[in-house]
C-alpha cells in the first residue's frame, strides 16, 4: 500500500448524483466559510440546472458557491459546481503556480457528463497526498475508477453511508472494496471534511 498520505488536504472534491441537490443543501451549509480550500463538485445534472443549484446553495452557505467557468483559478472558500452537460477537470495555470478549472466537451464517461471519474483523475495529477474525495448518494458507479486513482495517490476518501443515500450506488463499491477511509451519514460528512483540512 502506498504511504503517500497524508498532509492536510488542500482540495475537496465531491461526486454526487440522484438525491444530490437535497443532500448538498443539507451538507454544504454545515461547512465553515473559512475552510481554507476550494471545493469542486460534480453533480449529475443537465445544462442550466447546475446554475440555479449553485445560486440556491450560495444563498444558504457561508462559502461562496458558483457554477464553474472555464479557466477560472481555484480559490479557497469557494465551491465550484461543474456545469451540466460539460466535463470539468483541473489543469495548471500558464505560470504553473495555480490550479485552474478546465471545462470541456469531452465525451460522457459512465453515461455521465459531467463525470466524477473525469474530475477525480485530474485531481490526482496535482494533489498527491493532499486531497479529500467525497462520494455521495447516486445511481450507478461513476467515481469508482477515479477514486481508485486518488487512493493510490494518497487521497482521503469519505463515503456517504447506505442509510442516508437516496440511491446507494456511487458509494457502494468504494465502501465494499475497503477504499473508503471514512463512512459517514449525511449529517456527519461536513465534520469529516473539516477534519481532513485541519
Foldseek 3Di string as FASTA:
>chain_A
DDPQAADFAQEEEEEEEVVPLVLCLQFQQVAALPLPHEYEYEYFDAAPVQQVSQVVSCVRHSARGGAFDAFAWGDPSYYYYDGHQWEWEWDAHPVRPTIGIHIHNPDDDQNTVHFLLRHLQRCLVPGQNHYEYEYEADAAAGNPVSLVSNVNSNYAYEYEDPVQHPHPHHRVVCVVVVVHPYYYHSNCVSVVSSVSND
